[in-house]
PDB file of all heavy atoms in Angstrom:
ATOM      1  N   LEU A   1      -6.111   2.366   1.987  1.00  0.00           N
ATOM      2  CA  LEU A   1      -5.684   1.204   2.876  1.00  0.00           C
ATOM      3  C   LEU A   1      -5.391   1.750   4.177  1.00  0.00           C
ATOM      4  O   LEU A   1      -5.007   2.951   4.339  1.00  0.00           O
ATOM      5  CB  LEU A   1      -4.356   0.586   2.219  1.00  0.00           C
ATOM      6  CG  LEU A   1      -4.457   0.218   0.894  1.00  0.00           C
ATOM      7  CD1 LEU A   1      -2.943  -0.189   0.496  1.00  0.00           C
ATOM      8  CD2 LEU A   1      -5.340  -1.006   0.647  1.00  0.00           C
ATOM      9  N   VAL A   2      -5.407   0.856   5.254  1.00  0.00           N
ATOM     10  CA  VAL A   2      -4.995   1.193   6.588  1.00  0.00           C
ATOM     11  C   VAL A   2      -3.926   0.210   6.938  1.00  0.00           C
ATOM     12  O   VAL A   2      -4.147  -1.008   6.828  1.00  0.00           O
ATOM     13  CB  VAL A   2      -6.119   1.165   7.585  1.00  0.00           C
ATOM     14  CG1 VAL A   2      -5.671   1.436   8.986  1.00  0.00           C
ATOM     15  CG2 VAL A   2      -7.292   2.223   7.178  1.00  0.00           C
ATOM     16  N   ILE A   3      -2.778   0.765   7.301  1.00  0.00           N
ATOM     17  CA  ILE A   3      -1.676  -0.163   7.695  1.00  0.00           C
ATOM     18  C   ILE A   3      -0.916   0.162   8.985  1.00  0.00           C
ATOM     19  O   ILE A   3      -0.854   1.364   9.287  1.00  0.00           O
ATOM     20  CB  ILE A   3      -0.528   0.013   6.469  1.00  0.00           C
ATOM     21  CG1 ILE A   3      -1.112  -0.257   5.179  1.00  0.00           C
ATOM     22  CG2 ILE A   3       0.685  -0.782   6.778  1.00  0.00           C
ATOM     23  CD1 ILE A   3      -0.182   0.027   3.929  1.00  0.00           C
ATOM     24  N   PRO A   4      -0.746  -0.869   9.796  1.00  0.00           N
ATOM     25  CA  PRO A   4      -0.103  -0.565  11.033  1.00  0.00           C
ATOM     26  C   PRO A   4       1.447  -0.198  10.890  1.00  0.00           C
ATOM     27  O   PRO A   4       2.132  -0.899  10.321  1.00  0.00           O
ATOM     28  CB  PRO A   4      -0.262  -1.813  11.837  1.00  0.00           C
ATOM     29  CG  PRO A   4      -0.383  -2.840  10.862  1.00  0.00           C
ATOM     30  CD  PRO A   4      -1.050  -2.262   9.598  1.00  0.00           C
ATOM     31  N   VAL A   5       1.732   1.001  11.287  1.00  0.00           N
ATOM     32  CA  VAL A   5       2.994   1.558  11.206  1.00  0.00           C
ATOM     33  C   VAL A   5       3.482   2.091  12.690  1.00  0.00           C
ATOM     34  O   VAL A   5       2.968   2.877  13.222  1.00  0.00           O
ATOM     35  CB  VAL A   5       3.114   2.737  10.238  1.00  0.00           C
ATOM     36  CG1 VAL A   5       4.637   3.158  10.173  1.00  0.00           C
ATOM     37  CG2 VAL A   5       2.729   2.300   8.813  1.00  0.00           C
ATOM     38  N   ASP A   6       4.465   1.336  13.153  1.00  0.00           N
ATOM     39  CA  ASP A   6       5.063   1.743  14.542  1.00  0.00           C
ATOM     40  C   ASP A   6       3.868   1.754  15.524  1.00  0.00           C
ATOM     41  O   ASP A   6       3.832   2.672  16.355  1.00  0.00           O
ATOM     42  CB  ASP A   6       5.682   3.017  14.431  1.00  0.00           C
ATOM     43  CG  ASP A   6       6.978   2.868  13.656  1.00  0.00           C
ATOM     44  OD1 ASP A   6       7.550   1.820  13.564  1.00  0.00           O
ATOM     45  OD2 ASP A   6       7.316   3.965  12.948  1.00  0.00           O
ATOM     46  N   GLY A   7       2.853   0.882  15.489  1.00  0.00           N
ATOM     47  CA  GLY A   7       1.832   0.817  16.548  1.00  0.00           C
ATOM     48  C   GLY A   7       0.574   1.772  16.210  1.00  0.00           C
ATOM     49  O   GLY A   7      -0.300   1.756  16.896  1.00  0.00           O
ATOM     50  N   THR A   8       0.753   2.409  15.113  1.00  0.00           N
ATOM     51  CA  THR A   8      -0.370   3.370  14.811  1.00  0.00           C
ATOM     52  C   THR A   8      -0.887   2.891  13.459  1.00  0.00           C
ATOM     53  O   THR A   8      -0.264   2.598  12.531  1.00  0.00           O
ATOM     54  CB  THR A   8       0.195   4.893  14.492  1.00  0.00           C
ATOM     55  OG1 THR A   8       0.854   5.275  15.736  1.00  0.00           O
ATOM     56  CG2 THR A   8      -0.951   5.828  14.278  1.00  0.00           C
ATOM     57  N   GLN A   9      -2.376   3.033  13.371  1.00  0.00           N
ATOM     58  CA  GLN A   9      -3.123   2.707  12.156  1.00  0.00           C
ATOM     59  C   GLN A   9      -2.956   3.867  11.104  1.00  0.00           C
ATOM     60  O   GLN A   9      -3.492   4.861  11.456  1.00  0.00           O
ATOM     61  CB  GLN A   9      -4.528   2.349  12.378  1.00  0.00           C
ATOM     62  CG  GLN A   9      -4.651   1.138  13.245  1.00  0.00           C
ATOM     63  CD  GLN A   9      -4.160  -0.140  12.674  1.00  0.00           C
ATOM     64  OE1 GLN A   9      -4.319  -0.363  11.455  1.00  0.00           O
ATOM     65  NE2 GLN A   9      -3.481  -1.013  13.336  1.00  0.00           N
ATOM     66  N   THR A  10      -2.166   3.819  10.103  1.00  0.00           N
ATOM     67  CA  THR A  10      -1.923   5.009   9.205  1.00  0.00           C
ATOM     68  C   THR A  10      -2.695   4.683   7.945  1.00  0.00           C
ATOM     69  O   THR A  10      -2.701   3.538   7.341  1.00  0.00           O
ATOM     70  CB  THR A  10      -0.367   5.040   8.959  1.00  0.00           C
ATOM     71  OG1 THR A  10       0.327   5.118  10.161  1.00  0.00           O
ATOM     72  CG2 THR A  10      -0.203   6.128   8.011  1.00  0.00           C
ATOM     73  N   LYS A  11      -3.274   5.717   7.465  1.00  0.00           N
ATOM     74  CA  LYS A  11      -4.113   5.671   6.177  1.00  0.00           C
ATOM     75  C   LYS A  11      -3.189   6.068   4.930  1.00  0.00           C
ATOM     76  O   LYS A  11      -2.432   7.089   5.015  1.00  0.00           O
ATOM     77  CB  LYS A  11      -5.339   6.598   6.195  1.00  0.00           C
ATOM     78  CG  LYS A  11      -6.365   6.149   7.282  1.00  0.00           C
ATOM     79  CD  LYS A  11      -7.610   7.033   7.042  1.00  0.00           C
ATOM     80  CE  LYS A  11      -8.620   6.676   8.072  1.00  0.00           C
ATOM     81  NZ  LYS A  11      -9.904   7.466   8.104  1.00  0.00           N
ATOM     82  N   TYR A  12      -3.521   5.294   3.874  1.00  0.00           N
ATOM     83  CA  TYR A  12      -2.707   5.518   2.604  1.00  0.00           C
ATOM     84  C   TYR A  12      -3.686   5.564   1.602  1.00  0.00           C
ATOM     85  O   TYR A  12      -4.779   4.763   1.630  1.00  0.00           O
ATOM     86  CB  TYR A  12      -1.637   4.537   2.411  1.00  0.00           C
ATOM     87  CG  TYR A  12      -0.487   4.480   3.451  1.00  0.00           C
ATOM     88  CD1 TYR A  12      -0.584   3.671   4.548  1.00  0.00           C
ATOM     89  CD2 TYR A  12       0.696   5.253   3.030  1.00  0.00           C
ATOM     90  CE1 TYR A  12       0.511   3.804   5.429  1.00  0.00           C
ATOM     91  CE2 TYR A  12       1.753   5.261   3.971  1.00  0.00           C
ATOM     92  CZ  TYR A  12       1.665   4.581   5.182  1.00  0.00           C
ATOM     93  OH  TYR A  12       2.765   4.507   6.100  1.00  0.00           O
ATOM     94  N   LYS A  13      -3.390   6.151   0.377  1.00  0.00           N
ATOM     95  CA  LYS A  13      -4.128   5.902  -0.830  1.00  0.00           C
ATOM     96  C   LYS A  13      -3.242   5.397  -1.821  1.00  0.00           C
ATOM     97  O   LYS A  13      -1.966   5.581  -1.754  1.00  0.00           O
ATOM     98  CB  LYS A  13      -4.782   7.286  -1.209  1.00  0.00           C
ATOM     99  CG  LYS A  13      -3.835   8.317  -1.697  1.00  0.00           C
ATOM    100  CD  LYS A  13      -4.669   9.577  -2.181  1.00  0.00           C
ATOM    101  CE  LYS A  13      -3.684  10.734  -2.501  1.00  0.00           C
ATOM    102  NZ  LYS A  13      -4.399  12.058  -2.829  1.00  0.00           N
ATOM    103  N   VAL A  14      -3.805   4.596  -2.739  1.00  0.00           N
ATOM    104  CA  VAL A  14      -3.018   3.893  -3.753  1.00  0.00           C
ATOM    105  C   VAL A  14      -2.781   4.900  -4.900  1.00  0.00           C
ATOM    106  O   VAL A  14      -3.819   5.463  -5.452  1.00  0.00           O
ATOM    107  CB  VAL A  14      -3.835   2.683  -4.198  1.00  0.00           C
ATOM    108  CG1 VAL A  14      -3.088   1.909  -5.337  1.00  0.00           C
ATOM    109  CG2 VAL A  14      -4.090   1.602  -3.072  1.00  0.00           C
ATOM    110  N   VAL A  15      -1.531   4.960  -5.302  1.00  0.00           N
ATOM    111  CA  VAL A  15      -1.183   5.902  -6.403  1.00  0.00           C
ATOM    112  C   VAL A  15      -0.526   5.148  -7.464  1.00  0.00           C
ATOM    113  O   VAL A  15      -0.164   5.688  -8.571  1.00  0.00           O
ATOM    114  CB  VAL A  15      -0.274   7.116  -5.880  1.00  0.00           C
ATOM    115  CG1 VAL A  15      -1.049   8.046  -4.965  1.00  0.00           C
ATOM    116  CG2 VAL A  15       0.993   6.673  -5.211  1.00  0.00           C
ATOM    117  N   GLY A  16      -0.296   3.904  -7.283  1.00  0.00           N
ATOM    118  CA  GLY A  16       0.326   2.994  -8.389  1.00  0.00           C
ATOM    119  C   GLY A  16       0.006   1.551  -8.086  1.00  0.00           C
ATOM    120  O   GLY A  16      -0.047   1.073  -6.949  1.00  0.00           O
ATOM    121  N   ILE A  17      -0.170   0.757  -9.112  1.00  0.00           N
ATOM    122  CA  ILE A  17      -0.551  -0.587  -9.048  1.00  0.00           C
ATOM    123  C   ILE A  17       0.340  -1.340  -9.949  1.00  0.00           C
ATOM    124  O   ILE A  17       0.250  -1.030 -11.136  1.00  0.00           O
ATOM    125  CB  ILE A  17      -1.965  -0.802  -9.347  1.00  0.00           C
ATOM    126  CG1 ILE A  17      -3.039   0.012  -8.458  1.00  0.00           C
ATOM    127  CG2 ILE A  17      -2.422  -2.368  -9.338  1.00  0.00           C
ATOM    128  CD1 ILE A  17      -4.372   0.080  -9.011  1.00  0.00           C
ATOM    129  N   GLN A  18       1.216  -2.213  -9.438  1.00  0.00           N
ATOM    130  CA  GLN A  18       2.179  -2.894 -10.301  1.00  0.00           C
ATOM    131  C   GLN A  18       2.195  -4.464 -10.085  1.00  0.00           C
ATOM    132  O   GLN A  18       2.884  -4.969  -9.245  1.00  0.00           O
ATOM    133  CB  GLN A  18       3.579  -2.403  -9.866  1.00  0.00           C
ATOM    134  CG  GLN A  18       3.724  -1.011 -10.080  1.00  0.00           C
ATOM    135  CD  GLN A  18       5.166  -0.373  -9.632  1.00  0.00           C
ATOM    136  OE1 GLN A  18       5.916  -1.078  -8.878  1.00  0.00           O
ATOM    137  NE2 GLN A  18       5.542   0.794 -10.004  1.00  0.00           N
ATOM    138  N   PRO A  19       1.269  -5.107 -10.867  1.00  0.00           N
ATOM    139  CA  PRO A  19       1.222  -6.639 -10.778  1.00  0.00           C
ATOM    140  C   PRO A  19       2.490  -7.023 -11.418  1.00  0.00           C
ATOM    141  O   PRO A  19       3.025  -6.492 -12.381  1.00  0.00           O
ATOM    142  CB  PRO A  19       0.052  -6.973 -11.515  1.00  0.00           C
ATOM    143  CG  PRO A  19      -0.348  -5.780 -12.366  1.00  0.00           C
ATOM    144  CD  PRO A  19       0.288  -4.672 -11.722  1.00  0.00           C
ATOM    145  N   ASP A  20       3.067  -8.273 -10.831  1.00  0.00           N
ATOM    146  CA  ASP A  20       4.352  -8.734 -11.314  1.00  0.00           C
ATOM    147  C   ASP A  20       4.099  -9.924 -12.218  1.00  0.00           C
ATOM    148  O   ASP A  20       5.180 -10.447 -12.708  1.00  0.00           O
ATOM    149  CB  ASP A  20       5.337  -8.981 -10.259  1.00  0.00           C
ATOM    150  CG  ASP A  20       5.001 -10.143  -9.398  1.00  0.00           C
ATOM    151  OD1 ASP A  20       4.023 -10.806  -9.586  1.00  0.00           O
ATOM    152  OD2 ASP A  20       5.778 -10.379  -8.305  1.00  0.00           O
ATOM    153  N   GLY A  21       2.966 -10.440 -12.402  1.00  0.00           N
ATOM    154  CA  GLY A  21       2.665 -11.627 -13.206  1.00  0.00           C
ATOM    155  C   GLY A  21       2.911 -13.014 -12.501  1.00  0.00           C
ATOM    156  O   GLY A  21       2.724 -14.047 -13.088  1.00  0.00           O
ATOM    157  N   THR A  22       3.263 -12.871 -11.204  1.00  0.00           N
ATOM    158  CA  THR A  22       3.520 -14.142 -10.581  1.00  0.00           C
ATOM    159  C   THR A  22       2.517 -14.420  -9.425  1.00  0.00           C
ATOM    160  O   THR A  22       2.480 -15.380  -8.672  1.00  0.00           O
ATOM    161  CB  THR A  22       4.923 -14.181  -9.736  1.00  0.00           C
ATOM    162  OG1 THR A  22       4.846 -13.151  -8.705  1.00  0.00           O
ATOM    163  CG2 THR A  22       6.063 -13.783 -10.857  1.00  0.00           C
ATOM    164  N   GLY A  23       1.497 -13.386  -9.439  1.00  0.00           N
ATOM    165  CA  GLY A  23       0.445 -13.613  -8.293  1.00  0.00           C
ATOM    166  C   GLY A  23       0.661 -12.564  -7.170  1.00  0.00           C
ATOM    167  O   GLY A  23      -0.131 -12.654  -6.254  1.00  0.00           O
ATOM    168  N   LEU A  24       1.717 -11.682  -7.329  1.00  0.00           N
ATOM    169  CA  LEU A  24       1.983 -10.620  -6.415  1.00  0.00           C
ATOM    170  C   LEU A  24       1.700  -9.234  -7.105  1.00  0.00           C
ATOM    171  O   LEU A  24       2.108  -9.078  -8.238  1.00  0.00           O
ATOM    172  CB  LEU A  24       3.357 -10.694  -5.716  1.00  0.00           C
ATOM    173  CG  LEU A  24       3.651 -11.799  -4.956  1.00  0.00           C
ATOM    174  CD1 LEU A  24       5.125 -11.884  -4.525  1.00  0.00           C
ATOM    175  CD2 LEU A  24       2.734 -11.758  -3.525  1.00  0.00           C
ATOM    176  N   THR A  25       1.303  -8.299  -6.376  1.00  0.00           N
ATOM    177  CA  THR A  25       1.110  -6.971  -6.814  1.00  0.00           C
ATOM    178  C   THR A  25       1.744  -5.994  -5.755  1.00  0.00           C
ATOM    179  O   THR A  25       1.533  -6.115  -4.623  1.00  0.00           O
ATOM    180  CB  THR A  25      -0.408  -6.511  -6.983  1.00  0.00           C
ATOM    181  OG1 THR A  25      -0.989  -7.499  -8.036  1.00  0.00           O
ATOM    182  CG2 THR A  25      -0.517  -5.129  -7.474  1.00  0.00           C
ATOM    183  N   THR A  26       2.447  -5.108  -6.273  1.00  0.00           N
ATOM    184  CA  THR A  26       3.099  -4.005  -5.512  1.00  0.00           C
ATOM    185  C   THR A  26       2.234  -2.697  -5.544  1.00  0.00           C
ATOM    186  O   THR A  26       1.915  -2.325  -6.721  1.00  0.00           O
ATOM    187  CB  THR A  26       4.604  -3.671  -5.829  1.00  0.00           C
ATOM    188  OG1 THR A  26       5.341  -4.857  -5.682  1.00  0.00           O
ATOM    189  CG2 THR A  26       5.084  -2.556  -4.912  1.00  0.00           C
ATOM    190  N   LEU A  27       1.753  -2.272  -4.359  1.00  0.00           N
ATOM    191  CA  LEU A  27       0.929  -0.988  -4.408  1.00  0.00           C
ATOM    192  C   LEU A  27       1.818   0.117  -4.040  1.00  0.00           C
ATOM    193  O   LEU A  27       2.482  -0.017  -3.046  1.00  0.00           O
ATOM    194  CB  LEU A  27      -0.275  -1.191  -3.473  1.00  0.00           C
ATOM    195  CG  LEU A  27      -1.146  -2.351  -3.697  1.00  0.00           C
ATOM    196  CD1 LEU A  27      -2.155  -2.460  -2.557  1.00  0.00           C
ATOM    197  CD2 LEU A  27      -1.879  -2.240  -5.083  1.00  0.00           C
ATOM    198  N   ILE A  28       1.916   1.202  -4.876  1.00  0.00           N
ATOM    199  CA  ILE A  28       2.698   2.324  -4.450  1.00  0.00           C
ATOM    200  C   ILE A  28       1.742   3.231  -3.710  1.00  0.00           C
ATOM    201  O   ILE A  28       0.511   3.558  -4.083  1.00  0.00           O
ATOM    202  CB  ILE A  28       3.166   3.040  -5.728  1.00  0.00           C
ATOM    203  CG1 ILE A  28       3.858   2.031  -6.706  1.00  0.00           C
ATOM    204  CG2 ILE A  28       3.987   4.288  -5.353  1.00  0.00           C
ATOM    205  CD1 ILE A  28       5.025   1.414  -6.113  1.00  0.00           C
ATOM    206  N   LEU A  29       2.134   3.696  -2.533  1.00  0.00           N
ATOM    207  CA  LEU A  29       1.227   4.438  -1.623  1.00  0.00           C
ATOM    208  C   LEU A  29       1.572   5.739  -1.297  1.00  0.00           C
ATOM    209  O   LEU A  29       2.778   6.177  -1.410  1.00  0.00           O
ATOM    210  CB  LEU A  29       1.171   3.629  -0.157  1.00  0.00           C
ATOM    211  CG  LEU A  29       0.881   2.115  -0.416  1.00  0.00           C
ATOM    212  CD1 LEU A  29       1.102   1.405   0.911  1.00  0.00           C
ATOM    213  CD2 LEU A  29      -0.578   1.893  -1.003  1.00  0.00           C
ATOM    214  N   LEU A  30       0.666   6.549  -0.821  1.00  0.00           N
ATOM    215  CA  LEU A  30       0.869   7.881  -0.387  1.00  0.00           C
ATOM    216  C   LEU A  30       0.109   8.162   0.921  1.00  0.00           C
ATOM    217  O   LEU A  30      -1.041   7.842   0.929  1.00  0.00           O
ATOM    218  CB  LEU A  30       0.436   9.008  -1.387  1.00  0.00           C
ATOM    219  CG  LEU A  30       0.632  10.427  -1.153  1.00  0.00           C
ATOM    220  CD1 LEU A  30       2.114  10.748  -1.151  1.00  0.00           C
ATOM    221  CD2 LEU A  30      -0.122  11.305  -2.196  1.00  0.00           C
ATOM    222  N   ALA A  31       0.856   8.533   1.957  1.00  0.00           N
ATOM    223  CA  ALA A  31       0.082   8.768   3.281  1.00  0.00           C
ATOM    224  C   ALA A  31      -0.878   9.835   3.154  1.00  0.00           C
ATOM    225  O   ALA A  31      -0.678  10.916   2.418  1.00  0.00           O
ATOM    226  CB  ALA A  31       1.136   8.998   4.295  1.00  0.00           C
ATOM    227  N   ILE A  32      -1.966   9.614   3.785  1.00  0.00           N
ATOM    228  CA  ILE A  32      -3.022  10.656   3.784  1.00  0.00           C
ATOM    229  C   ILE A  32      -3.324  11.055   5.233  1.00  0.00           C
ATOM    230  O   ILE A  32      -3.065  10.378   6.227  1.00  0.00           O
ATOM    231  CB  ILE A  32      -4.230  10.378   3.057  1.00  0.00           C
ATOM    232  CG1 ILE A  32      -4.885   8.926   3.522  1.00  0.00           C
ATOM    233  CG2 ILE A  32      -3.986  10.217   1.598  1.00  0.00           C
ATOM    234  CD1 ILE A  32      -6.142   8.632   2.846  1.00  0.00           C
TER     235      ILE A  32
END
């Protein structure tokens, strides 16, 4: 994923996937 953090496009990789059953998913990330 690429996420804007403090004005910089920061790359992350997904290390965890946690769907909550309501239509939302929390992705656990690690900066690369």
